[in-house]
Amino acid sequence: MRNAARILLAFCLLLTAVELAACSGTQPASGEGGYIGSDSRVTMVPPDQRKPAATVSGTRLGSTQTVSTADFAGKVVVINVWGSWCPPCRQEAPDLHAASEQAKGSAAFLGITTKDYDPAPAEAFVRAFSITYPSIYDPTGRVLLAFAGDLPPSAIPSTLVIDKQGRVAVRILSTISRQTLLEIIRDVAAGR
């Protein structure tokens, strides 16, 4: 019983730290509340240094079905973390949609919507930008925590590209353009 209490306490402390990290930072000049910027960085991991990506699953936004990264085993997977409340997410959404359409057959796309405590704005976001790939509805950031070693919880938007072997190949802590993302997908699909 003592071990269970310790594990619960450690988990609660971790969640508190994540929430505090998400609340830190400066507000953008645009006045959009809730958005915390991240530094623009693309990190490409050489194939011999890649580590396995977390396998995550959750309820698909707008559905009761479960979607998982395991559903895309053996494929290049683009995981985009977004929120309907995030101005840069709205900025990059058309490029992500276009890239997902152009990369069909060479990459699968999966979104994780976080901090959308009501699913209606997230569902409206998906409709507004004609996004056809699935998104995990993760209002509390529980699913996102699985990527804690790869993505800071306050870096929204952010994107991971997982190689065919299920390893993190690229981490993007900013918005990404369609062309750049397609080039990254091409390189990762080719084993680079």
Protein backbone atom coordinates (compact mmCIF):
# COMPACT_ATOMS: atom_id res chain seq x y z
CA MET A 1 0.00 0.00 0.00
CA ARG A 2 2.87 2.36 0.76
CA ASN A 3 4.33 1.85 -2.72
CA ALA A 4 0.97 2.63 -4.33
CA ALA A 5 0.72 5.85 -2.30
CA ARG A 6 4.25 6.84 -3.32
CA ILE A 7 3.53 6.17 -6.99
CA LEU A 8 0.32 8.21 -6.79
CA LEU A 9 2.16 11.06 -5.07
CA ALA A 10 4.93 11.01 -7.69
CA PHE A 11 2.35 11.04 -10.48
CA CYS A 12 0.51 13.99 -8.91
CA LEU A 13 3.78 15.89 -8.55
CA LEU A 14 4.62 15.18 -12.19
CA LEU A 15 1.22 16.45 -13.33
CA THR A 16 1.65 19.58 -11.23
CA ALA A 17 5.07 20.20 -12.77
CA VAL A 18 3.63 19.76 -16.27
CA GLU A 19 0.82 22.22 -15.56
CA LEU A 20 3.25 24.76 -14.10
CA ALA A 21 5.51 24.43 -17.12
CA ALA A 22 2.54 24.98 -19.41
CA CYS A 23 1.66 28.17 -17.55
CA SER A 24 5.14 29.64 -17.69
CA GLY A 25 6.52 31.83 -20.41
CA THR A 26 5.42 35.10 -21.90
CA GLN A 27 2.16 35.89 -23.55
CA PRO A 28 2.40 36.72 -27.25
CA ALA A 29 1.94 40.24 -28.47
CA SER A 30 -1.15 39.18 -30.41
CA GLY A 31 -3.13 38.97 -27.20
CA GLU A 32 -4.18 35.39 -27.89
CA GLY A 33 -4.56 33.96 -24.39
CA GLY A 34 -3.21 30.53 -23.59
CA TYR A 35 -0.61 30.25 -26.33
CA ILE A 36 2.95 29.78 -25.13
CA GLY A 37 5.52 30.11 -27.88
CA SER A 38 8.46 27.81 -28.35
CA ASP A 39 11.76 28.39 -29.98
CA SER A 40 11.82 27.34 -33.63
CA ARG A 41 13.86 24.20 -33.85
CA VAL A 42 14.03 21.17 -36.07
CA THR A 43 16.06 18.32 -34.61
CA MET A 44 16.94 15.49 -36.98
CA VAL A 45 18.19 12.35 -35.26
CA PRO A 46 20.70 10.24 -37.22
CA PRO A 47 19.37 6.70 -37.82
CA ASP A 48 22.01 5.07 -35.61
CA GLN A 49 21.03 7.32 -32.65
CA ARG A 50 17.24 6.98 -32.82
CA LYS A 51 15.26 5.64 -29.88
CA PRO A 52 11.84 3.99 -29.91
CA ALA A 53 8.91 6.37 -29.85
CA ALA A 54 6.23 5.98 -27.22
CA THR A 55 3.17 4.04 -28.29
CA VAL A 56 0.13 6.11 -27.47
CA SER A 57 -3.59 5.67 -27.90
CA GLY A 58 -6.72 7.57 -27.05
CA THR A 59 -10.22 8.43 -28.09
CA ARG A 60 -10.43 9.76 -31.60
CA LEU A 61 -11.73 13.34 -31.72
CA GLY A 62 -15.36 13.34 -32.80
CA SER A 63 -15.79 9.62 -32.18
CA THR A 64 -15.87 6.96 -29.51
CA GLN A 65 -13.28 4.88 -31.37
CA THR A 66 -9.73 4.45 -30.14
CA VAL A 67 -6.79 5.39 -32.34
CA SER A 68 -3.21 4.39 -31.61
CA THR A 69 0.24 4.93 -33.04
CA ALA A 70 0.39 1.12 -33.17
CA ASP A 71 -2.23 1.32 -35.95
CA PHE A 72 0.52 2.71 -38.20
CA ALA A 73 3.30 0.19 -37.47
CA GLY A 74 5.79 -0.12 -40.33
CA LYS A 75 4.97 3.34 -41.72
CA VAL A 76 6.48 6.77 -41.36
CA VAL A 77 4.18 8.57 -38.91
CA VAL A 78 3.80 12.32 -38.48
CA ILE A 79 2.40 13.20 -35.05
CA ASN A 80 1.27 16.81 -34.71
CA VAL A 81 0.36 18.30 -31.32
CA TRP A 82 -2.15 21.13 -31.64
CA GLY A 83 -4.94 23.04 -29.97
CA SER A 84 -7.85 24.98 -31.44
CA TRP A 85 -6.89 27.90 -29.17
CA CYS A 86 -3.36 28.13 -30.61
CA PRO A 87 -2.78 30.81 -33.32
CA PRO A 88 0.32 29.09 -34.82
CA CYS A 89 -1.68 25.84 -35.01
CA ARG A 90 -4.24 27.65 -37.17
CA GLN A 91 -1.36 29.04 -39.24
CA GLU A 92 0.17 25.64 -39.97
CA ALA A 93 -3.08 23.64 -40.33
CA PRO A 94 -3.48 24.21 -44.10
CA ASP A 95 0.12 23.08 -44.70
CA LEU A 96 -0.32 19.98 -42.53
CA HIS A 97 -3.53 19.08 -44.35
CA ALA A 98 -1.86 19.57 -47.76
CA ALA A 99 1.19 17.54 -46.69
CA SER A 100 -1.01 14.72 -45.40
CA GLU A 101 -2.81 14.56 -48.74
CA GLN A 102 0.44 14.67 -50.76
CA ALA A 103 2.19 12.11 -48.55
CA LYS A 104 -0.58 9.49 -48.68
CA GLY A 105 1.10 6.17 -49.27
CA SER A 106 4.42 7.27 -47.79
CA ALA A 107 3.35 8.58 -44.36
CA ALA A 108 0.45 8.42 -41.93
CA PHE A 109 -0.61 11.49 -39.96
CA LEU A 110 -2.00 11.59 -36.43
CA GLY A 111 -2.93 14.68 -34.44
CA ILE A 112 -3.07 15.07 -30.69
CA THR A 113 -5.31 17.93 -29.62
CA THR A 114 -4.45 19.11 -26.14
CA LYS A 115 -5.92 21.60 -23.68
CA ASP A 116 -9.17 21.76 -25.64
CA TYR A 117 -11.30 21.02 -22.57
CA ASP A 118 -14.48 21.07 -24.65
CA PRO A 119 -14.26 18.99 -27.85
CA ALA A 120 -16.53 21.35 -29.84
CA PRO A 121 -13.82 23.96 -30.68
CA ALA A 122 -11.38 21.19 -31.67
CA GLU A 123 -14.02 19.58 -33.90
CA ALA A 124 -14.74 22.98 -35.48
CA PHE A 125 -10.99 23.43 -36.10
CA VAL A 126 -10.85 20.08 -37.93
CA ARG A 127 -13.87 21.02 -40.08
CA ALA A 128 -12.56 24.54 -40.80
CA PHE A 129 -9.25 23.23 -42.11
CA SER A 130 -10.69 20.07 -43.78
CA ILE A 131 -8.33 17.85 -41.79
CA THR A 132 -8.95 14.24 -42.75
CA TYR A 133 -6.39 12.43 -40.60
CA PRO A 134 -7.40 11.36 -37.06
CA SER A 135 -6.60 13.24 -33.88
CA ILE A 136 -6.50 11.90 -30.34
CA TYR A 137 -8.62 14.03 -28.03
CA ASP A 138 -6.31 14.72 -25.07
CA PRO A 139 -7.74 17.64 -23.06
CA THR A 140 -5.60 17.05 -19.96
CA GLY A 141 -2.30 16.25 -21.70
CA ARG A 142 -2.22 12.65 -20.40
CA VAL A 143 -1.38 11.23 -23.84
CA LEU A 144 1.15 13.99 -24.51
CA LEU A 145 3.01 13.03 -21.30
CA ALA A 146 4.12 9.82 -23.02
CA PHE A 147 6.34 12.01 -25.22
CA ALA A 148 7.84 13.94 -22.28
CA GLY A 149 11.38 12.89 -23.26
CA ASP A 150 10.84 14.12 -26.82
CA LEU A 151 8.44 17.08 -26.57
CA PRO A 152 8.17 19.78 -23.93
CA PRO A 153 4.50 19.85 -22.85
CA SER A 154 4.24 23.59 -23.47
CA ALA A 155 5.62 23.44 -27.03
CA ILE A 156 2.44 23.73 -29.05
CA PRO A 157 2.42 23.29 -31.96
CA SER A 158 5.02 20.61 -32.18
CA THR A 159 5.54 17.65 -34.48
CA LEU A 160 7.33 14.33 -34.30
CA VAL A 161 8.23 12.24 -37.32
CA ILE A 162 8.54 8.54 -36.50
CA ASP A 163 10.47 6.28 -38.87
CA LYS A 164 9.28 2.92 -40.23
CA GLN A 165 11.03 1.16 -37.34
CA GLY A 166 8.98 3.13 -34.80
CA ARG A 167 11.81 5.45 -33.73
CA VAL A 168 11.79 9.23 -33.31
CA ALA A 169 13.55 10.58 -36.41
CA VAL A 170 12.66 14.30 -36.30
CA ARG A 171 11.36 16.70 -33.66
CA ILE A 172 9.90 20.06 -34.69
CA LEU A 173 9.22 22.62 -31.95
CA SER A 174 7.46 25.22 -34.06
CA THR A 175 5.19 25.50 -37.05
CA ILE A 176 6.24 23.63 -40.17
CA SER A 177 5.63 24.37 -43.82
CA ARG A 178 4.17 21.85 -46.24
CA GLN A 179 7.31 21.74 -48.38
CA THR A 180 9.69 21.30 -45.45
CA LEU A 181 7.53 18.57 -43.94
CA LEU A 182 7.32 16.72 -47.27
CA GLU A 183 11.13 16.87 -47.58
CA ILE A 184 11.50 15.50 -44.06
CA ILE A 185 9.04 12.68 -44.79
CA ARG A 186 10.96 11.83 -47.99
CA ASP A 187 14.26 11.67 -46.11
CA VAL A 188 12.88 9.57 -43.26
CA ALA A 189 11.10 7.19 -45.68
CA ALA A 190 14.42 6.76 -47.51
CA GLY A 191 16.11 5.74 -44.26
CA ARG A 192 17.95 9.03 -43.70
